[in-house]
Amino acid sequence: MGTPQLDKPKRMGEKVRAIRLRLGLTQQQMFEQLVDHGAKIHVGYIGLYEINERIPTLLVTLAYARAAGISTDYLIDDKMELPG
Protein backbone atom coordinates (compact mmCIF):
# COMPACT_ATOMS: atom_id res chain seq x y z
CA MET A 1 0.00 0.00 0.00
CA GLY A 2 1.99 3.29 0.29
CA THR A 3 1.10 6.89 0.19
CA PRO A 4 -1.15 7.83 -2.72
CA GLN A 5 0.37 10.14 -5.31
CA LEU A 6 -1.20 13.61 -5.22
CA ASP A 7 -2.30 15.30 -8.41
CA LYS A 8 -0.18 18.34 -9.14
CA PRO A 9 -0.01 20.84 -11.98
CA LYS A 10 2.30 19.61 -14.71
CA ARG A 11 2.94 23.03 -16.27
CA MET A 12 3.48 25.12 -13.15
CA GLY A 13 7.26 25.05 -13.55
CA GLU A 14 7.19 26.50 -17.04
CA LYS A 15 4.66 29.10 -15.93
CA VAL A 16 6.61 30.35 -12.89
CA ARG A 17 9.76 30.50 -15.04
CA ALA A 18 7.85 32.48 -17.69
CA ILE A 19 6.66 34.90 -15.00
CA ARG A 20 10.20 35.44 -13.75
CA LEU A 21 11.52 36.01 -17.28
CA ARG A 22 8.65 38.37 -18.17
CA LEU A 23 9.48 40.39 -15.07
CA GLY A 24 13.13 40.41 -16.14
CA LEU A 25 14.31 39.00 -12.82
CA THR A 26 17.08 36.66 -11.76
CA GLN A 27 16.15 33.78 -9.49
CA GLN A 28 17.52 35.78 -6.54
CA GLN A 29 15.39 38.80 -7.47
CA MET A 30 12.32 36.57 -7.91
CA PHE A 31 12.94 35.16 -4.45
CA GLU A 32 13.01 38.70 -3.06
CA GLN A 33 9.76 39.57 -4.89
CA LEU A 34 8.06 36.49 -3.47
CA VAL A 35 9.23 37.29 0.04
CA ASP A 36 7.94 40.85 -0.42
CA HIS A 37 4.56 39.30 -1.32
CA GLY A 38 4.47 37.22 1.85
CA ALA A 39 6.10 33.93 0.80
CA LYS A 40 8.30 32.06 3.25
CA ILE A 41 10.70 30.03 1.13
CA HIS A 42 14.36 29.22 0.62
CA VAL A 43 16.10 30.95 -2.29
CA GLY A 44 17.13 27.57 -3.73
CA TYR A 45 13.50 26.59 -4.25
CA ILE A 46 13.06 28.99 -7.18
CA GLY A 47 15.09 26.81 -9.53
CA LEU A 48 13.38 23.67 -8.24
CA TYR A 49 9.96 25.20 -8.92
CA GLU A 50 11.01 26.06 -12.47
CA ILE A 51 11.98 22.47 -13.29
CA ASN A 52 8.97 20.95 -11.49
CA GLU A 53 11.17 19.26 -8.90
CA ARG A 54 9.22 21.04 -6.19
CA ILE A 55 5.68 22.41 -6.28
CA PRO A 56 5.13 25.78 -4.59
CA THR A 57 2.90 25.87 -1.52
CA LEU A 58 -0.41 27.68 -1.79
CA LEU A 59 1.05 30.82 -0.23
CA VAL A 60 4.03 30.79 -2.59
CA THR A 61 1.67 30.27 -5.53
CA LEU A 62 -0.33 33.25 -4.33
CA ALA A 63 2.87 35.32 -4.07
CA TYR A 64 3.81 34.41 -7.68
CA ALA A 65 0.33 35.39 -8.85
CA ARG A 66 0.49 38.72 -6.99
CA ALA A 67 3.95 39.47 -8.37
CA ALA A 68 2.65 38.82 -11.88
CA GLY A 69 -0.70 40.55 -11.33
CA ILE A 70 -2.69 37.46 -12.29
CA SER A 71 -5.10 35.00 -10.71
CA THR A 72 -3.69 31.83 -9.18
CA ASP A 73 -5.95 29.96 -11.61
CA TYR A 74 -3.45 30.64 -14.39
CA LEU A 75 -0.72 28.87 -12.44
CA ILE A 76 -2.72 25.93 -11.17
CA ASP A 77 -4.83 25.06 -14.21
CA ASP A 78 -2.68 23.30 -16.83
CA LYS A 79 -5.28 24.13 -19.50
CA MET A 80 -4.95 27.89 -18.98
CA GLU A 81 -2.22 29.94 -20.64
CA LEU A 82 -0.62 32.88 -18.88
CA PRO A 83 -2.21 36.15 -19.96
CA GLY A 84 -0.44 38.51 -22.32
C-alpha atoms as a PDB file:
ATOM      1  CA  MET A   1       0.000   0.000   0.000  1.00  0.00           C
ATOM      2  CA  GLY A   2       1.993   3.293   0.290  1.00  0.00           C
ATOM      3  CA  THR A   3       1.099   6.890   0.193  1.00  0.00           C
ATOM      4  CA  PRO A   4      -1.153   7.835  -2.723  1.00  0.00           C
ATOM      5  CA  GLN A   5       0.373  10.144  -5.309  1.00  0.00           C
ATOM      6  CA  LEU A   6      -1.198  13.609  -5.223  1.00  0.00           C
ATOM      7  CA  ASP A   7      -2.304  15.298  -8.408  1.00  0.00           C
ATOM      8  CA  LYS A   8      -0.176  18.340  -9.139  1.00  0.00           C
ATOM      9  CA  PRO A   9      -0.013  20.838 -11.978  1.00  0.00           C
ATOM     10  CA  LYS A  10       2.304  19.612 -14.713  1.00  0.00           C
ATOM     11  CA  ARG A  11       2.939  23.032 -16.267  1.00  0.00           C
ATOM     12  CA  MET A  12       3.481  25.117 -13.154  1.00  0.00           C
ATOM     13  CA  GLY A  13       7.261  25.054 -13.551  1.00  0.00           C
ATOM     14  CA  GLU A  14       7.189  26.505 -17.042  1.00  0.00           C
ATOM     15  CA  LYS A  15       4.659  29.104 -15.925  1.00  0.00           C
ATOM     16  CA  VAL A  16       6.613  30.346 -12.893  1.00  0.00           C
ATOM     17  CA  ARG A  17       9.755  30.505 -15.043  1.00  0.00           C
ATOM     18  CA  ALA A  18       7.848  32.481 -17.688  1.00  0.00           C
ATOM     19  CA  ILE A  19       6.658  34.899 -14.998  1.00  0.00           C
ATOM     20  CA  ARG A  20      10.204  35.442 -13.751  1.00  0.00           C
ATOM     21  CA  LEU A  21      11.519  36.007 -17.279  1.00  0.00           C
ATOM     22  CA  ARG A  22       8.654  38.374 -18.175  1.00  0.00           C
ATOM     23  CA  LEU A  23       9.476  40.390 -15.075  1.00  0.00           C
ATOM     24  CA  GLY A  24      13.135  40.405 -16.143  1.00  0.00           C
ATOM     25  CA  LEU A  25      14.310  38.997 -12.823  1.00  0.00           C
ATOM     26  CA  THR A  26      17.084  36.664 -11.759  1.00  0.00           C
ATOM     27  CA  GLN A  27      16.147  33.781  -9.491  1.00  0.00           C
ATOM     28  CA  GLN A  28      17.520  35.777  -6.538  1.00  0.00           C
ATOM     29  CA  GLN A  29      15.392  38.797  -7.468  1.00  0.00           C
ATOM     30  CA  MET A  30      12.321  36.568  -7.914  1.00  0.00           C
ATOM     31  CA  PHE A  31      12.938  35.159  -4.454  1.00  0.00           C
ATOM     32  CA  GLU A  32      13.011  38.703  -3.064  1.00  0.00           C
ATOM     33  CA  GLN A  33       9.763  39.572  -4.886  1.00  0.00           C
ATOM     34  CA  LEU A  34       8.056  36.492  -3.475  1.00  0.00           C
ATOM     35  CA  VAL A  35       9.228  37.292   0.042  1.00  0.00           C
ATOM     36  CA  ASP A  36       7.937  40.854  -0.425  1.00  0.00           C
ATOM     37  CA  HIS A  37       4.562  39.300  -1.324  1.00  0.00           C
ATOM     38  CA  GLY A  38       4.470  37.219   1.848  1.00  0.00           C
ATOM     39  CA  ALA A  39       6.099  33.928   0.804  1.00  0.00           C
ATOM     40  CA  LYS A  40       8.304  32.061   3.250  1.00  0.00           C
ATOM     41  CA  ILE A  41      10.701  30.030   1.129  1.00  0.00           C
ATOM     42  CA  HIS A  42      14.362  29.218   0.618  1.00  0.00           C
ATOM     43  CA  VAL A  43      16.101  30.952  -2.295  1.00  0.00           C
ATOM     44  CA  GLY A  44      17.127  27.570  -3.728  1.00  0.00           C
ATOM     45  CA  TYR A  45      13.504  26.594  -4.249  1.00  0.00           C
ATOM     46  CA  ILE A  46      13.061  28.991  -7.180  1.00  0.00           C
ATOM     47  CA  GLY A  47      15.095  26.807  -9.529  1.00  0.00           C
ATOM     48  CA  LEU A  48      13.380  23.674  -8.242  1.00  0.00           C
ATOM     49  CA  TYR A  49       9.959  25.204  -8.921  1.00  0.00           C
ATOM     50  CA  GLU A  50      11.012  26.056 -12.467  1.00  0.00           C
ATOM     51  CA  ILE A  51      11.982  22.468 -13.289  1.00  0.00           C
ATOM     52  CA  ASN A  52       8.970  20.950 -11.486  1.00  0.00           C
ATOM     53  CA  GLU A  53      11.171  19.255  -8.903  1.00  0.00           C
ATOM     54  CA  ARG A  54       9.216  21.038  -6.187  1.00  0.00           C
ATOM     55  CA  ILE A  55       5.676  22.406  -6.278  1.00  0.00           C
ATOM     56  CA  PRO A  56       5.128  25.781  -4.591  1.00  0.00           C
ATOM     57  CA  THR A  57       2.900  25.870  -1.521  1.00  0.00           C
ATOM     58  CA  LEU A  58      -0.413  27.680  -1.794  1.00  0.00           C
ATOM     59  CA  LEU A  59       1.047  30.818  -0.226  1.00  0.00           C
ATOM     60  CA  VAL A  60       4.029  30.791  -2.586  1.00  0.00           C
ATOM     61  CA  THR A  61       1.672  30.268  -5.533  1.00  0.00           C
ATOM     62  CA  LEU A  62      -0.332  33.254  -4.328  1.00  0.00           C
ATOM     63  CA  ALA A  63       2.873  35.319  -4.073  1.00  0.00           C
ATOM     64  CA  TYR A  64       3.809  34.408  -7.679  1.00  0.00           C
ATOM     65  CA  ALA A  65       0.329  35.393  -8.846  1.00  0.00           C
ATOM     66  CA  ARG A  66       0.492  38.717  -6.989  1.00  0.00           C
ATOM     67  CA  ALA A  67       3.955  39.469  -8.366  1.00  0.00           C
ATOM     68  CA  ALA A  68       2.650  38.823 -11.883  1.00  0.00           C
ATOM     69  CA  GLY A  69      -0.696  40.555 -11.332  1.00  0.00           C
ATOM     70  CA  ILE A  70      -2.691  37.455 -12.293  1.00  0.00           C
ATOM     71  CA  SER A  71      -5.102  34.996 -10.710  1.00  0.00           C
ATOM     72  CA  THR A  72      -3.689  31.825  -9.178  1.00  0.00           C
ATOM     73  CA  ASP A  73      -5.949  29.959 -11.608  1.00  0.00           C
ATOM     74  CA  TYR A  74      -3.453  30.637 -14.390  1.00  0.00           C
ATOM     75  CA  LEU A  75      -0.715  28.873 -12.435  1.00  0.00           C
ATOM     76  CA  ILE A  76      -2.722  25.926 -11.170  1.00  0.00           C
ATOM     77  CA  ASP A  77      -4.831  25.064 -14.213  1.00  0.00           C
ATOM     78  CA  ASP A  78      -2.682  23.301 -16.833  1.00  0.00           C
ATOM     79  CA  LYS A  79      -5.277  24.128 -19.502  1.00  0.00           C
ATOM     80  CA  MET A  80      -4.952  27.891 -18.980  1.00  0.00           C
ATOM     81  CA  GLU A  81      -2.222  29.944 -20.635  1.00  0.00           C
ATOM     82  CA  LEU A  82      -0.625  32.875 -18.879  1.00  0.00           C
ATOM     83  CA  PRO A  83      -2.214  36.154 -19.961  1.00  0.00           C
ATOM     84  CA  GLY A  84      -0.439  38.510 -22.316  1.00  0.00           C
END
